[in-house]
N, C-alpha and C. Protein backbone atom coordinates (compact mmCIF):
# COMPACT_ATOMS: atom_id res chain seq x y z
N MET A 1 -128.31 101.63 115.11
CA MET A 1 -127.73 100.21 114.75
C MET A 1 -126.58 100.51 113.98
N HIS A 2 -126.76 101.14 112.81
CA HIS A 2 -125.89 101.54 111.66
C HIS A 2 -124.69 102.21 112.29
N ILE A 3 -124.86 102.93 113.47
CA ILE A 3 -123.64 103.76 113.91
C ILE A 3 -122.75 102.41 114.70
N ILE A 4 -123.50 101.55 115.30
CA ILE A 4 -122.63 100.49 115.88
C ILE A 4 -121.93 99.70 115.03
N LEU A 5 -122.54 99.30 114.14
CA LEU A 5 -121.72 98.64 112.80
C LEU A 5 -120.73 99.23 112.16
N GLY A 6 -120.88 100.56 111.99
CA GLY A 6 -119.76 101.35 111.54
C GLY A 6 -118.76 101.41 112.53
N ALA A 7 -118.77 101.60 113.63
CA ALA A 7 -117.67 101.60 114.83
C ALA A 7 -117.10 100.30 114.81
N LEU A 8 -117.83 99.12 114.91
CA LEU A 8 -117.15 97.80 114.90
C LEU A 8 -116.32 97.55 113.63
N GLY A 9 -116.90 98.06 112.52
CA GLY A 9 -116.10 97.86 111.25
C GLY A 9 -114.96 98.88 111.17
N SER A 10 -115.10 99.69 111.83
CA SER A 10 -113.66 100.83 111.71
C SER A 10 -112.56 100.26 112.72
N ILE A 11 -113.14 99.70 113.89
CA ILE A 11 -112.21 99.20 114.81
C ILE A 11 -111.58 97.71 114.19
N LEU A 12 -112.44 96.93 113.58
CA LEU A 12 -111.61 95.79 112.82
C LEU A 12 -110.87 96.05 111.86
N THR A 13 -111.18 97.14 110.97
CA THR A 13 -110.13 97.45 109.87
C THR A 13 -108.85 98.04 110.63
N ILE A 14 -108.96 98.92 111.65
CA ILE A 14 -107.70 99.46 112.26
C ILE A 14 -107.06 98.28 112.81
N LEU A 15 -107.54 97.09 113.53
CA LEU A 15 -106.98 96.10 114.07
C LEU A 15 -106.03 95.26 113.02
N TYR A 16 -106.84 95.15 111.94
CA TYR A 16 -106.42 94.53 110.72
C TYR A 16 -105.21 95.05 110.10
N MET A 17 -105.11 96.44 110.11
CA MET A 17 -104.01 97.33 109.59
C MET A 17 -102.94 96.97 110.43
N LEU A 18 -103.21 97.22 111.84
CA LEU A 18 -102.03 97.07 112.60
C LEU A 18 -101.50 95.86 112.39
N ASP A 19 -102.15 94.53 112.52
CA ASP A 19 -101.77 93.33 112.31
C ASP A 19 -100.87 93.19 110.97
N ARG A 20 -101.15 93.79 109.80
CA ARG A 20 -100.62 93.79 108.60
C ARG A 20 -99.31 94.53 108.69
N LEU A 21 -99.12 95.57 109.64
CA LEU A 21 -97.92 96.20 109.53
C LEU A 21 -96.85 95.65 110.63
N GLY A 22 -97.26 94.54 111.23
CA GLY A 22 -96.42 93.81 112.15
C GLY A 22 -96.56 94.11 113.44
N ILE A 23 -97.42 94.81 113.86
CA ILE A 23 -97.64 95.23 115.42
C ILE A 23 -98.25 93.94 115.86
N ASP A 24 -97.77 93.47 116.96
CA ASP A 24 -98.29 92.32 117.85
C ASP A 24 -99.67 92.80 118.54
N LEU A 25 -100.55 92.16 118.32
CA LEU A 25 -101.71 92.33 118.99
C LEU A 25 -102.05 91.27 120.16
N GLY A 26 -101.12 90.46 120.18
CA GLY A 26 -101.51 89.39 121.35
C GLY A 26 -101.37 90.01 122.71
N GLY A 27 -100.70 91.04 122.77
CA GLY A 27 -100.68 91.71 124.23
C GLY A 27 -102.13 92.22 124.69
N LEU A 28 -102.78 92.24 123.81
CA LEU A 28 -104.17 92.89 124.22
C LEU A 28 -105.11 91.68 124.80
N ASN A 29 -104.65 90.61 124.88
CA ASN A 29 -105.58 89.32 125.44
C ASN A 29 -105.29 89.44 126.86
N PRO A 30 -106.30 89.75 127.64
CA PRO A 30 -106.10 89.48 129.25
C PRO A 30 -105.66 88.02 129.75
N PHE A 31 -105.97 87.13 129.15
CA PHE A 31 -105.78 85.96 129.62
C PHE A 31 -104.41 85.60 129.26
N TYR A 32 -103.81 85.89 127.98
CA TYR A 32 -102.21 85.88 127.79
C TYR A 32 -101.62 86.67 128.54
N TRP A 33 -101.93 88.03 128.95
CA TRP A 33 -101.19 88.69 129.87
C TRP A 33 -101.09 88.15 131.23
N TYR A 34 -102.12 87.44 131.83
CA TYR A 34 -102.25 86.88 132.99
C TYR A 34 -101.19 85.78 133.03
N ARG A 35 -101.12 84.84 132.11
CA ARG A 35 -100.28 83.64 132.00
C ARG A 35 -98.86 84.33 131.88
N ARG A 36 -98.58 85.15 131.09
CA ARG A 36 -97.10 85.77 130.77
C ARG A 36 -96.77 86.35 132.33
N ARG A 37 -97.69 87.09 133.12
CA ARG A 37 -97.18 87.79 134.27
C ARG A 37 -97.03 86.59 135.41
N ALA A 38 -97.83 85.75 135.23
CA ALA A 38 -97.64 84.50 136.34
C ALA A 38 -96.39 83.76 136.15
N PHE A 39 -96.02 83.48 134.89
CA PHE A 39 -94.60 82.83 134.46
C PHE A 39 -93.54 83.64 134.65
N ALA A 40 -93.70 85.01 134.68
CA ALA A 40 -92.46 85.96 134.90
C ALA A 40 -92.27 85.93 136.54
N LYS A 41 -93.32 85.97 137.23
CA LYS A 41 -93.22 86.02 138.66
C LYS A 41 -92.64 84.61 139.20
N LYS A 42 -92.93 83.55 138.55
CA LYS A 42 -92.42 82.30 139.04
C LYS A 42 -90.98 82.19 138.64
N TYR A 43 -90.46 82.58 137.30
CA TYR A 43 -89.10 82.66 136.89
C TYR A 43 -88.38 83.44 137.66
N GLY A 44 -88.68 84.75 138.25
CA GLY A 44 -87.95 85.50 138.59
C GLY A 44 -87.90 85.32 140.26
N ALA A 45 -88.79 84.38 140.78
CA ALA A 45 -88.75 84.34 142.28
C ALA A 45 -87.52 83.64 142.84
N ASP A 46 -87.20 83.71 144.00
CA ASP A 46 -86.06 83.12 144.70
C ASP A 46 -86.36 81.65 144.74
N PRO A 47 -85.55 80.72 144.51
CA PRO A 47 -85.52 79.15 144.44
C PRO A 47 -85.92 78.93 145.75
N ILE A 48 -85.45 79.32 147.02
CA ILE A 48 -85.51 79.00 148.17
C ILE A 48 -87.03 79.00 148.52
N PHE A 49 -87.95 79.96 148.25
CA PHE A 49 -89.25 79.90 148.30
C PHE A 49 -90.18 78.98 147.80
N SER A 50 -89.57 78.31 146.71
CA SER A 50 -90.35 77.08 146.14
C SER A 50 -90.14 75.60 146.86
N VAL A 51 -89.18 75.65 147.90
CA VAL A 51 -89.17 74.44 148.67
C VAL A 51 -90.48 74.28 149.52
N GLU A 52 -90.94 72.90 149.53
CA GLU A 52 -92.11 72.95 150.29
C GLU A 52 -91.94 71.69 151.48
N ASP A 53 -90.99 70.67 151.20
CA ASP A 53 -90.75 69.48 151.90
C ASP A 53 -90.04 70.09 153.29
N PRO A 54 -90.73 69.64 154.53
CA PRO A 54 -90.14 70.14 155.75
C PRO A 54 -88.74 69.83 155.98
N MET A 55 -88.35 68.68 155.50
CA MET A 55 -86.99 68.24 155.78
C MET A 55 -86.11 69.08 155.10
N HIS A 56 -86.56 69.36 153.62
CA HIS A 56 -85.49 70.17 152.93
C HIS A 56 -85.50 71.81 153.72
N ILE A 57 -86.61 72.21 154.12
CA ILE A 57 -86.73 73.58 154.60
C ILE A 57 -85.90 73.47 155.99
N ALA A 58 -85.92 72.52 156.89
CA ALA A 58 -85.15 72.23 157.99
C ALA A 58 -83.63 72.32 157.54
N SER A 59 -83.16 71.66 156.50
CA SER A 59 -81.82 71.76 156.21
C SER A 59 -81.32 73.03 156.05
N LEU A 60 -82.27 73.79 155.22
CA LEU A 60 -81.84 75.25 154.66
C LEU A 60 -81.75 75.95 155.94
N LEU A 61 -82.65 75.90 156.94
CA LEU A 61 -82.40 76.63 158.30
C LEU A 61 -81.33 76.34 159.12
N VAL A 62 -80.83 75.07 158.99
CA VAL A 62 -79.74 74.67 159.93
C VAL A 62 -78.57 75.18 159.37
N ILE A 63 -78.46 74.87 157.85
CA ILE A 63 -77.23 75.52 157.29
C ILE A 63 -77.20 77.06 157.19
N GLY A 64 -78.20 77.69 157.18
CA GLY A 64 -78.40 78.97 156.94
C GLY A 64 -77.84 79.72 158.44
N ALA A 65 -78.46 78.91 159.35
CA ALA A 65 -77.98 79.37 160.87
C ALA A 65 -76.56 79.36 160.95
N ALA A 66 -75.90 78.25 160.44
CA ALA A 66 -74.51 78.13 160.57
C ALA A 66 -73.83 79.18 159.63
N LYS A 67 -74.22 79.52 158.49
CA LYS A 67 -73.62 80.37 157.71
C LYS A 67 -73.86 81.96 158.06
N LEU A 68 -74.58 82.18 159.03
CA LEU A 68 -74.81 83.79 159.39
C LEU A 68 -73.51 84.31 159.75
N ASP A 69 -72.46 83.53 160.25
CA ASP A 69 -71.24 84.28 160.71
C ASP A 69 -70.16 84.24 159.47
N GLY A 70 -70.62 83.64 158.43
CA GLY A 70 -69.61 83.25 157.18
C GLY A 70 -69.66 82.01 156.64
N ASP A 71 -68.59 81.55 156.14
CA ASP A 71 -68.62 80.43 155.49
C ASP A 71 -68.63 79.21 156.58
N LEU A 72 -69.11 78.11 156.24
CA LEU A 72 -69.09 76.85 157.11
C LEU A 72 -67.57 76.39 157.38
N THR A 73 -67.49 75.89 158.56
CA THR A 73 -66.05 75.12 159.03
C THR A 73 -66.33 73.78 158.71
N ALA A 74 -65.23 73.10 158.81
CA ALA A 74 -65.30 71.62 158.53
C ALA A 74 -66.00 70.80 159.68
N GLN A 75 -66.01 71.51 161.17
CA GLN A 75 -66.66 71.06 162.01
C GLN A 75 -68.31 71.14 161.89
N GLN A 76 -68.60 72.24 161.62
CA GLN A 76 -70.08 72.57 161.23
C GLN A 76 -70.61 71.70 160.26
N LYS A 77 -69.82 71.38 158.98
CA LYS A 77 -70.11 70.61 158.07
C LYS A 77 -70.35 69.26 158.36
N GLU A 78 -69.47 68.62 159.18
CA GLU A 78 -69.62 67.24 159.82
C GLU A 78 -70.63 67.18 160.72
N MET A 79 -70.86 68.13 161.48
CA MET A 79 -71.96 68.00 162.60
C MET A 79 -73.42 68.09 161.59
N ALA A 80 -73.41 68.80 160.85
CA ALA A 80 -74.57 68.97 160.04
C ALA A 80 -75.02 67.58 159.28
N GLN A 81 -74.03 67.06 158.81
CA GLN A 81 -74.25 65.70 158.05
C GLN A 81 -74.59 64.75 158.92
N SER A 82 -73.95 64.51 159.96
CA SER A 82 -74.12 63.46 161.02
C SER A 82 -75.60 63.60 161.68
N LEU A 83 -76.04 65.09 161.90
CA LEU A 83 -77.25 65.18 162.23
C LEU A 83 -78.36 64.85 161.31
N PHE A 84 -78.23 65.27 160.02
CA PHE A 84 -78.93 64.76 158.89
C PHE A 84 -79.18 63.22 159.00
N GLU A 85 -78.01 62.53 159.19
CA GLU A 85 -78.19 61.20 159.12
C GLU A 85 -78.91 60.54 160.19
N SER A 86 -78.74 61.22 161.61
CA SER A 86 -79.28 60.54 162.63
C SER A 86 -80.86 61.09 162.68
N GLU A 87 -81.11 62.46 162.68
CA GLU A 87 -82.40 62.85 162.69
C GLU A 87 -83.43 62.58 161.69
N PHE A 88 -82.89 62.75 160.40
CA PHE A 88 -83.65 62.47 159.42
C PHE A 88 -83.83 60.97 158.93
N SER A 89 -82.92 60.05 159.39
CA SER A 89 -82.74 58.72 159.04
C SER A 89 -82.44 58.53 157.63
N LEU A 90 -81.41 59.27 157.18
CA LEU A 90 -80.77 59.29 155.70
C LEU A 90 -79.68 58.58 155.82
N SER A 91 -79.24 58.11 154.54
CA SER A 91 -78.02 57.39 154.55
C SER A 91 -76.93 58.44 154.36
N SER A 92 -75.58 58.15 154.44
CA SER A 92 -74.47 59.27 154.60
C SER A 92 -74.52 59.88 153.08
N LYS A 93 -74.89 59.12 151.96
CA LYS A 93 -75.06 59.90 150.54
C LYS A 93 -76.10 60.58 150.52
N ASP A 94 -77.28 60.19 151.00
CA ASP A 94 -78.55 61.27 151.12
C ASP A 94 -78.15 62.38 151.87
N ALA A 95 -77.77 62.27 152.99
CA ALA A 95 -77.31 63.35 153.82
C ALA A 95 -76.36 64.20 153.33
N SER A 96 -75.34 63.81 152.60
CA SER A 96 -74.53 64.74 152.00
C SER A 96 -75.18 65.50 150.53
N GLN A 97 -76.22 64.83 149.97
CA GLN A 97 -76.74 65.49 148.86
C GLN A 97 -77.67 66.65 149.52
N LEU A 98 -78.16 66.16 150.59
CA LEU A 98 -79.35 67.30 151.17
C LEU A 98 -78.45 68.32 151.82
N PHE A 99 -77.09 68.11 152.31
CA PHE A 99 -76.23 69.26 152.62
C PHE A 99 -75.83 70.14 151.53
N GLY A 100 -75.52 69.48 150.38
CA GLY A 100 -75.08 70.20 149.17
C GLY A 100 -76.17 71.03 148.56
N SER A 101 -77.25 70.57 148.57
CA SER A 101 -78.29 71.27 147.76
C SER A 101 -78.76 72.51 148.74
N ALA A 102 -78.78 72.35 150.11
CA ALA A 102 -79.05 73.38 150.99
C ALA A 102 -77.98 74.43 150.92
N ALA A 103 -76.73 73.96 150.87
CA ALA A 103 -75.66 75.08 150.73
C ALA A 103 -75.44 75.78 149.38
N HIS A 104 -76.02 75.11 148.39
CA HIS A 104 -75.88 75.54 146.88
C HIS A 104 -77.19 76.68 147.04
N LEU A 105 -78.33 76.47 147.64
CA LEU A 105 -79.38 77.49 147.56
C LEU A 105 -78.98 78.77 148.49
N LEU A 106 -78.25 78.49 149.54
CA LEU A 106 -77.91 79.56 150.09
C LEU A 106 -76.63 80.15 149.88
N ALA A 107 -76.08 80.29 148.62
CA ALA A 107 -74.79 80.55 148.18
C ALA A 107 -74.56 82.14 148.19
N ALA A 108 -75.45 82.90 148.27
CA ALA A 108 -75.44 84.46 148.26
C ALA A 108 -75.38 84.83 149.74
N PRO A 109 -74.28 84.99 150.19
CA PRO A 109 -74.15 85.41 151.66
C PRO A 109 -74.78 86.78 152.26
N GLN A 110 -75.00 87.66 150.92
CA GLN A 110 -75.46 88.94 151.45
C GLN A 110 -76.75 88.94 151.61
N LEU A 111 -77.59 87.71 151.04
CA LEU A 111 -78.92 87.70 151.16
C LEU A 111 -79.45 86.71 152.19
N ILE A 112 -78.68 85.99 152.78
CA ILE A 112 -79.02 84.74 153.79
C ILE A 112 -79.94 85.17 154.86
N GLU A 113 -79.56 86.26 155.61
CA GLU A 113 -80.37 86.74 156.72
C GLU A 113 -81.97 87.07 156.28
N ASN A 114 -82.06 87.83 155.42
CA ASN A 114 -83.37 87.98 154.76
C ASN A 114 -84.15 86.88 154.22
N GLN A 115 -83.40 86.00 153.54
CA GLN A 115 -84.09 84.83 152.99
C GLN A 115 -84.59 84.17 154.02
N LEU A 116 -83.61 83.76 155.11
CA LEU A 116 -83.95 82.95 156.18
C LEU A 116 -85.10 83.28 156.98
N ALA A 117 -85.20 84.76 157.26
CA ALA A 117 -86.28 85.11 158.11
C ALA A 117 -87.75 84.88 157.23
N LYS A 118 -87.55 85.22 155.97
CA LYS A 118 -88.81 84.99 155.30
C LYS A 118 -89.17 83.50 155.21
N LEU A 119 -88.25 82.59 154.93
CA LEU A 119 -88.48 81.22 154.77
C LEU A 119 -89.14 80.73 156.20
N ALA A 120 -88.44 81.24 157.25
CA ALA A 120 -89.14 80.64 158.58
C ALA A 120 -90.31 81.32 158.91
N ALA A 121 -90.87 82.41 158.38
CA ALA A 121 -92.04 82.97 158.39
C ALA A 121 -93.19 82.31 157.64
N ARG A 122 -92.69 81.93 156.45
CA ARG A 122 -93.64 81.18 155.46
C ARG A 122 -94.06 79.74 155.90
N SER A 123 -92.87 79.30 156.57
CA SER A 123 -93.02 77.53 156.63
C SER A 123 -93.47 77.18 158.17
N GLY A 124 -93.43 78.02 159.00
CA GLY A 124 -93.80 77.61 160.32
C GLY A 124 -95.01 76.71 160.46
N GLU A 125 -95.99 76.72 159.66
CA GLU A 125 -97.19 75.80 159.99
C GLU A 125 -96.99 74.29 159.20
N ARG A 126 -95.91 74.24 158.40
CA ARG A 126 -95.69 72.92 157.83
C ARG A 126 -94.89 71.86 159.01
N PHE A 127 -94.54 72.52 159.94
CA PHE A 127 -93.91 71.67 161.07
C PHE A 127 -94.76 71.29 162.35
N SER A 128 -94.59 70.03 162.68
CA SER A 128 -95.20 69.70 164.05
C SER A 128 -94.58 70.12 165.15
N PRO A 129 -94.94 70.17 166.23
CA PRO A 129 -94.34 70.74 167.26
C PRO A 129 -92.91 70.06 167.69
N GLU A 130 -93.05 68.72 167.32
CA GLU A 130 -91.96 67.86 167.62
C GLU A 130 -90.85 68.00 166.45
N GLN A 131 -91.08 68.18 165.40
CA GLN A 131 -90.17 68.69 164.34
C GLN A 131 -89.61 70.10 164.49
N ALA A 132 -90.42 70.86 165.05
CA ALA A 132 -89.84 72.11 165.23
C ALA A 132 -88.72 72.15 166.31
N GLU A 133 -89.16 71.32 167.54
CA GLU A 133 -88.20 71.31 168.61
C GLU A 133 -86.91 70.48 168.13
N SER A 134 -87.03 69.52 167.29
CA SER A 134 -85.83 68.85 166.63
C SER A 134 -85.05 69.88 166.00
N LEU A 135 -85.61 70.75 165.23
CA LEU A 135 -85.02 71.58 164.32
C LEU A 135 -84.26 72.71 165.08
N ILE A 136 -84.71 73.07 166.01
CA ILE A 136 -84.17 74.18 166.75
C ILE A 136 -83.00 73.58 167.45
N GLY A 137 -83.15 72.36 167.89
CA GLY A 137 -81.88 71.63 168.55
C GLY A 137 -80.80 71.38 167.53
N MET A 138 -81.09 71.00 166.24
CA MET A 138 -80.16 70.96 165.32
C MET A 138 -79.41 72.58 164.99
N MET A 139 -80.28 73.24 164.88
CA MET A 139 -79.66 74.56 164.71
C MET A 139 -78.55 75.04 165.49
N GLU A 140 -79.00 74.88 166.80
CA GLU A 140 -78.09 75.22 167.99
C GLU A 140 -76.83 74.42 168.00
N LYS A 141 -76.85 73.11 167.70
CA LYS A 141 -75.86 72.20 167.56
C LYS A 141 -74.84 72.70 166.47
N VAL A 142 -75.30 72.85 165.36
CA VAL A 142 -74.43 72.95 164.05
C VAL A 142 -73.84 74.34 164.22
N ALA A 143 -74.67 75.43 164.74
CA ALA A 143 -73.96 76.79 164.71
C ALA A 143 -72.95 76.74 165.75
N ALA A 144 -73.14 75.92 166.79
CA ALA A 144 -72.04 75.82 167.95
C ALA A 144 -71.06 74.91 167.80
N ALA A 145 -71.03 74.23 166.70
CA ALA A 145 -69.99 73.10 166.50
C ALA A 145 -68.64 73.72 166.57
N ASP A 146 -68.40 74.87 166.11
CA ASP A 146 -66.85 75.47 166.27
C ASP A 146 -66.55 76.42 167.36
N GLY A 147 -67.55 76.54 168.22
CA GLY A 147 -67.53 77.38 169.38
C GLY A 147 -68.88 77.96 169.76
N GLY A 148 -68.96 78.87 170.43
CA GLY A 148 -70.28 79.37 170.89
C GLY A 148 -71.07 80.15 169.58
N LEU A 149 -72.50 80.34 170.12
CA LEU A 149 -73.24 80.94 169.13
C LEU A 149 -73.00 82.38 169.05
N SER A 150 -73.03 83.09 168.20
CA SER A 150 -72.63 84.40 167.93
C SER A 150 -74.03 85.11 168.35
N ALA A 151 -74.11 86.53 168.38
CA ALA A 151 -75.43 87.30 168.55
C ALA A 151 -76.00 87.18 167.35
N SER A 152 -75.95 87.14 166.01
CA SER A 152 -76.58 87.17 165.18
C SER A 152 -77.35 85.74 164.82
N GLN A 153 -76.68 84.72 165.51
CA GLN A 153 -77.25 83.30 165.41
C GLN A 153 -78.23 83.09 166.40
N GLN A 154 -77.70 83.54 167.75
CA GLN A 154 -78.77 83.52 168.78
C GLN A 154 -80.02 84.36 168.29
N GLU A 155 -79.87 85.46 168.01
CA GLU A 155 -81.21 86.33 167.31
C GLU A 155 -81.96 85.54 166.66
N PHE A 156 -81.18 84.77 165.50
CA PHE A 156 -82.08 84.22 164.49
C PHE A 156 -82.90 82.80 165.12
N ILE A 157 -82.11 82.19 166.05
CA ILE A 157 -82.47 81.07 166.39
C ILE A 157 -83.88 81.36 167.42
N ALA A 158 -83.69 82.59 168.05
CA ALA A 158 -84.95 82.98 168.80
C ALA A 158 -85.98 83.39 167.92
N HIS A 159 -85.95 84.07 166.83
CA HIS A 159 -86.55 84.22 165.67
C HIS A 159 -87.62 83.04 165.19
N VAL A 160 -86.67 81.92 165.05
CA VAL A 160 -87.41 80.80 164.37
C VAL A 160 -88.15 80.12 165.57
N LYS A 161 -87.71 80.26 166.99
CA LYS A 161 -88.65 79.75 168.08
C LYS A 161 -89.92 80.41 168.17
N THR A 162 -90.10 81.71 167.69
CA THR A 162 -91.30 82.36 167.73
C THR A 162 -92.19 81.93 166.51
N GLU A 163 -91.47 81.61 165.49
CA GLU A 163 -92.35 81.43 164.08
C GLU A 163 -92.91 79.96 164.35
N PHE A 164 -92.27 78.93 164.85
CA PHE A 164 -92.56 77.71 164.80
C PHE A 164 -93.39 77.32 166.27
N PRO A 165 -94.21 76.17 165.99
CA PRO A 165 -95.05 75.79 167.02
C PRO A 165 -94.26 75.50 168.32
N ALA A 166 -94.63 75.64 169.38
CA ALA A 166 -94.08 75.37 170.57
C ALA A 166 -94.28 73.94 171.13
N VAL A 167 -93.46 73.32 171.89
CA VAL A 167 -93.66 71.98 172.22
C VAL A 167 -92.94 71.87 173.59
N GLU A 168 -93.39 70.96 174.53
CA GLU A 168 -92.90 70.59 175.76
C GLU A 168 -91.58 69.82 175.47
N LYS A 169 -90.96 69.11 176.35
CA LYS A 169 -89.66 68.41 176.06
C LYS A 169 -90.30 67.10 175.45
N SER A 170 -89.99 66.68 174.27
CA SER A 170 -90.20 65.47 173.55
C SER A 170 -89.19 65.33 172.54
N GLU A 171 -89.23 64.19 171.92
CA GLU A 171 -88.11 63.71 170.94
C GLU A 171 -88.77 64.16 169.61
N GLY A 172 -87.96 64.52 168.79
CA GLY A 172 -88.18 65.18 167.48
C GLY A 172 -88.43 63.81 166.46
N THR A 173 -89.28 64.24 165.74
CA THR A 173 -89.56 62.81 164.72
C THR A 173 -89.59 63.39 163.17
N TRP A 174 -88.99 62.71 162.46
CA TRP A 174 -88.96 63.18 161.06
C TRP A 174 -89.29 61.99 159.98
N ALA A 175 -89.40 60.91 160.34
CA ALA A 175 -89.55 59.71 159.64
C ALA A 175 -90.82 59.43 159.44
């Protein structure tokens, strides 16, 4: 017993001396380390993956599909905003804000293809079959607003069709 008390006293003395020398011992706390690690992961994560609302995810996929070939054209922007108004039952101001937030989150053109593939894979279960069908229709309309679909756009839309639930012919519902 005297050996255990001596060892504990030595450890306590060493920790006290390290603290007095200014060495931070807070990093030894496993709960503090876990909290710090969780915050760093959340802070360093891509903000696209924190979006959970199906309407916002759909707007990201629609705008992203159109941006696969480069910047959006005026026809694509107008088509996207009109589809957001009609499909999502939004006012023109809300549709414009939804478009702006989606375009802002997809600002890095070199990352869009990777981000969209991961977003589609993560969020497929959040959509009903009707919403998935409506989403795919909106993606095709907006991407083809200034001409035909490119190969990368067709490939991405086919990938989204495999990730989202299938549906027969029915009307999409978002409201």
